[in-house]
Amino acid sequence: MKVIVPSPLLSYTVKREVEAEGRSLAELFSDLDRRFPGIAFRVVDEQGALRPHMRVFVNGAQVRELGLALSPADEVQLIQALSGG
C-alpha cells in the first residue's frame, strides 16, 4: 500500500511516497522498519503506542489504534504534529 511520509522522516526513506505491506498498522510499521531501519522508532514508542506528536491517517481518516486492519488498496499518511510557541 502507499505510505506518505512527512518531511522530518525523509532522512529514512528519501522519497515522500513509499510502498509497504501489513494487515494492520503495527505490521505496516514493522515492514517500514525492515525497509527503512529506524523509522518505526520515530513513530511508535517503547510501549508499542503511537508517539503523541505523530498523526496517522488511513484513507483520510485519523486513527490511533495500531491493531487497525488494513487492505492493500489503503493509503496511509503519516504527519508529524508541531508544538511549541
PDB file of N, CA and C in Angstrom:
ATOM      1  N   MET A   1       0.840  -1.178   0.000  1.00  0.00           N
ATOM      2  CA  MET A   1       0.000   0.000   0.000  1.00  0.00           C
ATOM      3  C   MET A   1       0.880   1.235   0.000  1.00  0.00           C
ATOM      4  N   LYS A   2       0.305   2.344  -0.387  1.00  0.00           N
ATOM      5  CA  LYS A   2       1.054   3.594  -0.444  1.00  0.00           C
ATOM      6  C   LYS A   2       1.102   4.223   0.939  1.00  0.00           C
ATOM      7  N   VAL A   3       2.315   4.661   1.329  1.00  0.00           N
ATOM      8  CA  VAL A   3       2.518   5.363   2.590  1.00  0.00           C
ATOM      9  C   VAL A   3       3.139   6.716   2.260  1.00  0.00           C
ATOM     10  N   ILE A   4       2.517   7.774   2.752  1.00  0.00           N
ATOM     11  CA  ILE A   4       3.021   9.131   2.531  1.00  0.00           C
ATOM     12  C   ILE A   4       3.788   9.532   3.779  1.00  0.00           C
ATOM     13  N   VAL A   5       5.028   9.926   3.590  1.00  0.00           N
ATOM     14  CA  VAL A   5       5.973  10.176   4.674  1.00  0.00           C
ATOM     15  C   VAL A   5       6.147  11.681   4.885  1.00  0.00           C
ATOM     16  N   PRO A   6       6.142  12.146   6.157  1.00  0.00           N
ATOM     17  CA  PRO A   6       6.340  13.580   6.417  1.00  0.00           C
ATOM     18  C   PRO A   6       7.809  13.978   6.236  1.00  0.00           C
ATOM     19  N   SER A   7       8.034  15.238   6.009  1.00  0.00           N
ATOM     20  CA  SER A   7       9.388  15.755   5.773  1.00  0.00           C
ATOM     21  C   SER A   7      10.399  15.353   6.847  1.00  0.00           C
ATOM     22  N   PRO A   8      10.056  15.406   8.157  1.00  0.00           N
ATOM     23  CA  PRO A   8      11.060  15.029   9.165  1.00  0.00           C
ATOM     24  C   PRO A   8      11.528  13.575   9.076  1.00  0.00           C
ATOM     25  N   LEU A   9      10.807  12.712   8.385  1.00  0.00           N
ATOM     26  CA  LEU A   9      11.207  11.309   8.264  1.00  0.00           C
ATOM     27  C   LEU A   9      11.816  10.964   6.907  1.00  0.00           C
ATOM     28  N   LEU A  10      11.981  11.967   6.052  1.00  0.00           N
ATOM     29  CA  LEU A  10      12.549  11.710   4.727  1.00  0.00           C
ATOM     30  C   LEU A  10      14.002  11.273   4.797  1.00  0.00           C
ATOM     31  N   SER A  11      14.688  11.546   5.907  1.00  0.00           N
ATOM     32  CA  SER A  11      16.060  11.073   6.040  1.00  0.00           C
ATOM     33  C   SER A  11      16.114   9.543   6.059  1.00  0.00           C
ATOM     34  N   TYR A  12      15.007   8.891   6.391  1.00  0.00           N
ATOM     35  CA  TYR A  12      14.929   7.432   6.374  1.00  0.00           C
ATOM     36  C   TYR A  12      14.555   6.894   5.003  1.00  0.00           C
ATOM     37  N   THR A  13      13.583   7.525   4.354  1.00  0.00           N
ATOM     38  CA  THR A  13      13.020   6.974   3.116  1.00  0.00           C
ATOM     39  C   THR A  13      13.526   7.646   1.845  1.00  0.00           C
ATOM     40  N   VAL A  14      13.968   8.873   1.938  1.00  0.00           N
ATOM     41  CA  VAL A  14      14.400   9.724   0.830  1.00  0.00           C
ATOM     42  C   VAL A  14      13.216  10.156  -0.034  1.00  0.00           C
ATOM     43  N   LYS A  15      12.224   9.305  -0.197  1.00  0.00           N
ATOM     44  CA  LYS A  15      11.062   9.614  -1.035  1.00  0.00           C
ATOM     45  C   LYS A  15       9.854   9.952  -0.172  1.00  0.00           C
ATOM     46  N   ARG A  16       9.011  10.826  -0.676  1.00  0.00           N
ATOM     47  CA  ARG A  16       7.781  11.238   0.012  1.00  0.00           C
ATOM     48  C   ARG A  16       6.747  10.111   0.046  1.00  0.00           C
ATOM     49  N   GLU A  17       6.709   9.283  -0.996  1.00  0.00           N
ATOM     50  CA  GLU A  17       5.774   8.163  -1.060  1.00  0.00           C
ATOM     51  C   GLU A  17       6.560   6.867  -1.183  1.00  0.00           C
ATOM     52  N   VAL A  18       6.210   5.904  -0.330  1.00  0.00           N
ATOM     53  CA  VAL A  18       6.851   4.592  -0.367  1.00  0.00           C
ATOM     54  C   VAL A  18       5.775   3.512  -0.325  1.00  0.00           C
ATOM     55  N   GLU A  19       6.149   2.298  -0.657  1.00  0.00           N
ATOM     56  CA  GLU A  19       5.250   1.149  -0.593  1.00  0.00           C
ATOM     57  C   GLU A  19       5.611   0.319   0.637  1.00  0.00           C
ATOM     58  N   ALA A  20       4.593  -0.226   1.284  1.00  0.00           N
ATOM     59  CA  ALA A  20       4.793  -1.112   2.427  1.00  0.00           C
ATOM     60  C   ALA A  20       3.627  -2.079   2.492  1.00  0.00           C
ATOM     61  N   GLU A  21       3.794  -3.138   3.298  1.00  0.00           N
ATOM     62  CA  GLU A  21       2.770  -4.162   3.433  1.00  0.00           C
ATOM     63  C   GLU A  21       2.437  -4.365   4.901  1.00  0.00           C
ATOM     64  N   GLY A  22       1.241  -4.853   5.151  1.00  0.00           N
ATOM     65  CA  GLY A  22       0.832  -5.195   6.507  1.00  0.00           C
ATOM     66  C   GLY A  22      -0.670  -5.347   6.584  1.00  0.00           C
ATOM     67  N   ARG A  23      -1.106  -6.285   7.415  1.00  0.00           N
ATOM     68  CA  ARG A  23      -2.543  -6.473   7.611  1.00  0.00           C
ATOM     69  C   ARG A  23      -3.084  -5.551   8.693  1.00  0.00           C
ATOM     70  N   SER A  24      -2.185  -4.874   9.411  1.00  0.00           N
ATOM     71  CA  SER A  24      -2.568  -3.909  10.448  1.00  0.00           C
ATOM     72  C   SER A  24      -1.536  -2.788  10.438  1.00  0.00           C
ATOM     73  N   LEU A  25      -1.838  -1.707  11.162  1.00  0.00           N
ATOM     74  CA  LEU A  25      -0.854  -0.626  11.256  1.00  0.00           C
ATOM     75  C   LEU A  25       0.433  -1.116  11.897  1.00  0.00           C
ATOM     76  N   ALA A  26       0.332  -1.970  12.924  1.00  0.00           N
ATOM     77  CA  ALA A  26       1.529  -2.494  13.585  1.00  0.00           C
ATOM     78  C   ALA A  26       2.399  -3.254  12.582  1.00  0.00           C
ATOM     79  N   GLU A  27       1.784  -4.095  11.766  1.00  0.00           N
ATOM     80  CA  GLU A  27       2.538  -4.833  10.752  1.00  0.00           C
ATOM     81  C   GLU A  27       3.112  -3.891   9.699  1.00  0.00           C
ATOM     82  N   LEU A  28       2.360  -2.865   9.356  1.00  0.00           N
ATOM     83  CA  LEU A  28       2.842  -1.876   8.389  1.00  0.00           C
ATOM     84  C   LEU A  28       4.106  -1.199   8.905  1.00  0.00           C
ATOM     85  N   PHE A  29       4.100  -0.782  10.176  1.00  0.00           N
ATOM     86  CA  PHE A  29       5.279  -0.125  10.737  1.00  0.00           C
ATOM     87  C   PHE A  29       6.458  -1.085  10.841  1.00  0.00           C
ATOM     88  N   SER A  30       6.194  -2.358  11.107  1.00  0.00           N
ATOM     89  CA  SER A  30       7.269  -3.361  11.115  1.00  0.00           C
ATOM     90  C   SER A  30       7.880  -3.502   9.726  1.00  0.00           C
ATOM     91  N   ASP A  31       7.026  -3.519   8.697  1.00  0.00           N
ATOM     92  CA  ASP A  31       7.521  -3.614   7.335  1.00  0.00           C
ATOM     93  C   ASP A  31       8.304  -2.362   6.942  1.00  0.00           C
ATOM     94  N   LEU A  32       7.786  -1.202   7.314  1.00  0.00           N
ATOM     95  CA  LEU A  32       8.528   0.036   7.034  1.00  0.00           C
ATOM     96  C   LEU A  32       9.896   0.008   7.702  1.00  0.00           C
ATOM     97  N   ASP A  33       9.954  -0.491   8.945  1.00  0.00           N
ATOM     98  CA  ASP A  33      11.226  -0.532   9.670  1.00  0.00           C
ATOM     99  C   ASP A  33      12.192  -1.533   9.028  1.00  0.00           C
ATOM    100  N   ARG A  34      11.669  -2.610   8.471  1.00  0.00           N
ATOM    101  CA  ARG A  34      12.516  -3.564   7.765  1.00  0.00           C
ATOM    102  C   ARG A  34      13.117  -2.913   6.517  1.00  0.00           C
ATOM    103  N   ARG A  35      12.312  -2.132   5.817  1.00  0.00           N
ATOM    104  CA  ARG A  35      12.769  -1.473   4.585  1.00  0.00           C
ATOM    105  C   ARG A  35      13.601  -0.226   4.861  1.00  0.00           C
ATOM    106  N   PHE A  36      13.254   0.483   5.950  1.00  0.00           N
ATOM    107  CA  PHE A  36      13.910   1.748   6.295  1.00  0.00           C
ATOM    108  C   PHE A  36      14.261   1.709   7.786  1.00  0.00           C
ATOM    109  N   PRO A  37      15.346   1.029   8.154  1.00  0.00           N
ATOM    110  CA  PRO A  37      15.675   0.810   9.567  1.00  0.00           C
ATOM    111  C   PRO A  37      15.671   2.097  10.396  1.00  0.00           C
ATOM    112  N   GLY A  38      14.974   2.010  11.540  1.00  0.00           N
ATOM    113  CA  GLY A  38      14.906   3.124  12.473  1.00  0.00           C
ATOM    114  C   GLY A  38      13.655   3.963  12.366  1.00  0.00           C
ATOM    115  N   ILE A  39      12.923   3.855  11.271  1.00  0.00           N
ATOM    116  CA  ILE A  39      11.763   4.729  11.082  1.00  0.00           C
ATOM    117  C   ILE A  39      10.640   4.423  12.079  1.00  0.00           C
ATOM    118  N   ALA A  40      10.431   3.153  12.400  1.00  0.00           N
ATOM    119  CA  ALA A  40       9.334   2.796  13.315  1.00  0.00           C
ATOM    120  C   ALA A  40       9.518   3.415  14.687  1.00  0.00           C
ATOM    121  N   PHE A  41      10.760   3.507  15.163  1.00  0.00           N
ATOM    122  CA  PHE A  41      11.015   4.091  16.478  1.00  0.00           C
ATOM    123  C   PHE A  41      10.603   5.564  16.520  1.00  0.00           C
ATOM    124  N   ARG A  42      10.621   6.231  15.407  1.00  0.00           N
ATOM    125  CA  ARG A  42      10.204   7.638  15.351  1.00  0.00           C
ATOM    126  C   ARG A  42       8.694   7.793  15.387  1.00  0.00           C
ATOM    127  N   VAL A  43       7.960   6.704  15.084  1.00  0.00           N
ATOM    128  CA  VAL A  43       6.504   6.743  15.023  1.00  0.00           C
ATOM    129  C   VAL A  43       5.852   6.044  16.217  1.00  0.00           C
ATOM    130  N   VAL A  44       6.440   4.925  16.640  1.00  0.00           N
ATOM    131  CA  VAL A  44       5.886   4.095  17.717  1.00  0.00           C
ATOM    132  C   VAL A  44       6.852   4.114  18.901  1.00  0.00           C
ATOM    133  N   ASP A  45       6.310   4.308  20.120  1.00  0.00           N
ATOM    134  CA  ASP A  45       7.168   4.380  21.308  1.00  0.00           C
ATOM    135  C   ASP A  45       7.517   2.992  21.852  1.00  0.00           C
ATOM    136  N   GLU A  46       8.264   2.970  22.972  1.00  0.00           N
ATOM    137  CA  GLU A  46       8.733   1.726  23.570  1.00  0.00           C
ATOM    138  C   GLU A  46       7.597   0.864  24.116  1.00  0.00           C
ATOM    139  N   GLN A  47       6.449   1.442  24.371  1.00  0.00           N
ATOM    140  CA  GLN A  47       5.292   0.696  24.860  1.00  0.00           C
ATOM    141  C   GLN A  47       4.406   0.193  23.718  1.00  0.00           C
ATOM    142  N   GLY A  48       4.806   0.420  22.492  1.00  0.00           N
ATOM    143  CA  GLY A  48       4.038  -0.048  21.349  1.00  0.00           C
ATOM    144  C   GLY A  48       2.849   0.829  21.014  1.00  0.00           C
ATOM    145  N   ALA A  49       2.890   2.106  21.375  1.00  0.00           N
ATOM    146  CA  ALA A  49       1.810   3.047  21.068  1.00  0.00           C
ATOM    147  C   ALA A  49       2.352   4.144  20.147  1.00  0.00           C
ATOM    148  N   LEU A  50       1.451   4.755  19.394  1.00  0.00           N
ATOM    149  CA  LEU A  50       1.871   5.882  18.559  1.00  0.00           C
ATOM    150  C   LEU A  50       2.421   6.989  19.442  1.00  0.00           C
ATOM    151  N   ARG A  51       3.492   7.597  19.001  1.00  0.00           N
ATOM    152  CA  ARG A  51       4.052   8.734  19.750  1.00  0.00           C
ATOM    153  C   ARG A  51       3.045   9.882  19.705  1.00  0.00           C
ATOM    154  N   PRO A  52       2.979  10.675  20.790  1.00  0.00           N
ATOM    155  CA  PRO A  52       1.970  11.746  20.877  1.00  0.00           C
ATOM    156  C   PRO A  52       2.030  12.768  19.734  1.00  0.00           C
ATOM    157  N   HIS A  53       3.218  13.005  19.188  1.00  0.00           N
ATOM    158  CA  HIS A  53       3.358  14.016  18.133  1.00  0.00           C
ATOM    159  C   HIS A  53       3.092  13.463  16.732  1.00  0.00           C
ATOM    160  N   MET A  54       2.790  12.174  16.629  1.00  0.00           N
ATOM    161  CA  MET A  54       2.526  11.573  15.323  1.00  0.00           C
ATOM    162  C   MET A  54       1.024  11.459  15.077  1.00  0.00           C
ATOM    163  N   ARG A  55       0.617  11.729  13.874  1.00  0.00           N
ATOM    164  CA  ARG A  55      -0.768  11.551  13.444  1.00  0.00           C
ATOM    165  C   ARG A  55      -0.742  10.584  12.264  1.00  0.00           C
ATOM    166  N   VAL A  56      -1.676   9.661  12.271  1.00  0.00           N
ATOM    167  CA  VAL A  56      -1.764   8.674  11.190  1.00  0.00           C
ATOM    168  C   VAL A  56      -3.164   8.752  10.606  1.00  0.00           C
ATOM    169  N   PHE A  57      -3.223   8.840   9.288  1.00  0.00           N
ATOM    170  CA  PHE A  57      -4.484   8.875   8.567  1.00  0.00           C
ATOM    171  C   PHE A  57      -4.529   7.697   7.607  1.00  0.00           C
ATOM    172  N   VAL A  58      -5.630   6.968   7.632  1.00  0.00           N
ATOM    173  CA  VAL A  58      -5.850   5.867   6.697  1.00  0.00           C
ATOM    174  C   VAL A  58      -7.036   6.254   5.834  1.00  0.00           C
ATOM    175  N   ASN A  59      -6.767   6.400   4.554  1.00  0.00           N
ATOM    176  CA  ASN A  59      -7.805   6.830   3.595  1.00  0.00           C
ATOM    177  C   ASN A  59      -8.477   8.123   4.054  1.00  0.00           C
ATOM    178  N   GLY A  60      -7.692   9.030   4.619  1.00  0.00           N
ATOM    179  CA  GLY A  60      -8.186  10.338   5.019  1.00  0.00           C
ATOM    180  C   GLY A  60      -8.770  10.433   6.415  1.00  0.00           C
ATOM    181  N   ALA A  61      -8.927   9.319   7.121  1.00  0.00           N
ATOM    182  CA  ALA A  61      -9.494   9.330   8.477  1.00  0.00           C
ATOM    183  C   ALA A  61      -8.388   9.120   9.507  1.00  0.00           C
ATOM    184  N   GLN A  62      -8.336   9.989  10.505  1.00  0.00           N
ATOM    185  CA  GLN A  62      -7.310   9.859  11.531  1.00  0.00           C
ATOM    186  C   GLN A  62      -7.568   8.625  12.394  1.00  0.00           C
ATOM    187  N   VAL A  63      -6.493   7.884  12.682  1.00  0.00           N
ATOM    188  CA  VAL A  63      -6.582   6.677  13.505  1.00  0.00           C
ATOM    189  C   VAL A  63      -5.466   6.696  14.543  1.00  0.00           C
ATOM    190  N   ARG A  64      -5.686   5.970  15.660  1.00  0.00           N
ATOM    191  CA  ARG A  64      -4.655   5.849  16.699  1.00  0.00           C
ATOM    192  C   ARG A  64      -4.395   4.394  17.081  1.00  0.00           C
ATOM    193  N   GLU A  65      -5.217   3.482  16.616  1.00  0.00           N
ATOM    194  CA  GLU A  65      -5.138   2.078  17.011  1.00  0.00           C
ATOM    195  C   GLU A  65      -4.196   1.298  16.085  1.00  0.00           C
ATOM    196  N   LEU A  66      -3.102   0.774  16.637  1.00  0.00           N
ATOM    197  CA  LEU A  66      -2.137   0.049  15.824  1.00  0.00           C
ATOM    198  C   LEU A  66      -2.674  -1.293  15.333  1.00  0.00           C
ATOM    199  N   GLY A  67      -3.714  -1.804  15.965  1.00  0.00           N
ATOM    200  CA  GLY A  67      -4.318  -3.052  15.534  1.00  0.00           C
ATOM    201  C   GLY A  67      -5.305  -2.886  14.399  1.00  0.00           C
ATOM    202  N   LEU A  68      -5.508  -1.653  13.930  1.00  0.00           N
ATOM    203  CA  LEU A  68      -6.457  -1.389  12.850  1.00  0.00           C
ATOM    204  C   LEU A  68      -6.120  -2.225  11.615  1.00  0.00           C
ATOM    205  N   ALA A  69      -7.121  -2.925  11.086  1.00  0.00           N
ATOM    206  CA  ALA A  69      -6.927  -3.753   9.897  1.00  0.00           C
ATOM    207  C   ALA A  69      -6.744  -2.876   8.663  1.00  0.00           C
ATOM    208  N   LEU A  70      -5.822  -3.291   7.804  1.00  0.00           N
ATOM    209  CA  LEU A  70      -5.545  -2.576   6.568  1.00  0.00           C
ATOM    210  C   LEU A  70      -5.737  -3.514   5.378  1.00  0.00           C
ATOM    211  N   SER A  71      -5.970  -2.908   4.220  1.00  0.00           N
ATOM    212  CA  SER A  71      -6.023  -3.683   2.983  1.00  0.00           C
ATOM    213  C   SER A  71      -4.983  -3.103   2.021  1.00  0.00           C
ATOM    214  N   PRO A  72      -4.547  -3.880   1.046  1.00  0.00           N
ATOM    215  CA  PRO A  72      -3.516  -3.404   0.114  1.00  0.00           C
ATOM    216  C   PRO A  72      -3.890  -2.130  -0.642  1.00  0.00           C
ATOM    217  N   ALA A  73      -5.178  -1.835  -0.782  1.00  0.00           N
ATOM    218  CA  ALA A  73      -5.615  -0.645  -1.515  1.00  0.00           C
ATOM    219  C   ALA A  73      -5.619   0.613  -0.650  1.00  0.00           C
ATOM    220  N   ASP A  74      -5.385   0.483   0.662  1.00  0.00           N
ATOM    221  CA  ASP A  74      -5.419   1.640   1.558  1.00  0.00           C
ATOM    222  C   ASP A  74      -4.247   2.582   1.303  1.00  0.00           C
ATOM    223  N   GLU A  75      -4.468   3.842   1.676  1.00  0.00           N
ATOM    224  CA  GLU A  75      -3.407   4.843   1.649  1.00  0.00           C
ATOM    225  C   GLU A  75      -3.199   5.320   3.075  1.00  0.00           C
ATOM    226  N   VAL A  76      -1.965   5.258   3.542  1.00  0.00           N
ATOM    227  CA  VAL A  76      -1.622   5.673   4.897  1.00  0.00           C
ATOM    228  C   VAL A  76      -0.761   6.925   4.816  1.00  0.00           C
ATOM    229  N   GLN A  77      -1.165   7.945   5.559  1.00  0.00           N
ATOM    230  CA  GLN A  77      -0.399   9.183   5.577  1.00  0.00           C
ATOM    231  C   GLN A  77       0.079   9.422   7.002  1.00  0.00           C
ATOM    232  N   LEU A  78       1.381   9.660   7.153  1.00  0.00           N
ATOM    233  CA  LEU A  78       1.969   9.985   8.441  1.00  0.00           C
ATOM    234  C   LEU A  78       2.196  11.482   8.487  1.00  0.00           C
ATOM    235  N   ILE A  79       1.809  12.089   9.598  1.00  0.00           N
ATOM    236  CA  ILE A  79       2.002  13.522   9.785  1.00  0.00           C
ATOM    237  C   ILE A  79       2.622  13.736  11.149  1.00  0.00           C
ATOM    238  N   GLN A  80       3.659  14.533  11.180  1.00  0.00           N
ATOM    239  CA  GLN A  80       4.295  14.863  12.459  1.00  0.00           C
ATOM    240  C   GLN A  80       3.748  16.200  12.915  1.00  0.00           C
ATOM    241  N   ALA A  81       3.032  16.173  14.046  1.00  0.00           N
ATOM    242  CA  ALA A  81       2.429  17.393  14.583  1.00  0.00           C
ATOM    243  C   ALA A  81       3.528  18.310  15.127  1.00  0.00           C
ATOM    244  N   LEU A  82       3.303  19.578  15.012  1.00  0.00           N
ATOM    245  CA  LEU A  82       4.230  20.567  15.547  1.00  0.00           C
ATOM    246  C   LEU A  82       3.668  21.124  16.857  1.00  0.00           C
ATOM    247  N   SER A  83       4.567  21.443  17.764  1.00  0.00           N
ATOM    248  CA  SER A  83       4.118  22.046  19.021  1.00  0.00           C
ATOM    249  C   SER A  83       5.135  23.106  19.424  1.00  0.00           C
ATOM    250  N   GLY A  84       4.782  23.824  20.442  1.00  0.00           N
ATOM    251  CA  GLY A  84       5.668  24.894  20.904  1.00  0.00           C
ATOM    252  C   GLY A  84       5.080  26.251  20.631  1.00  0.00           C
ATOM    253  N   GLY A  85       5.869  27.248  20.852  1.00  0.00           N
ATOM    254  CA  GLY A  85       5.307  28.563  20.634  1.00  0.00           C
ATOM    255  C   GLY A  85       6.302  29.582  20.287  1.00  0.00           C
TER     256      GLY A  85
END
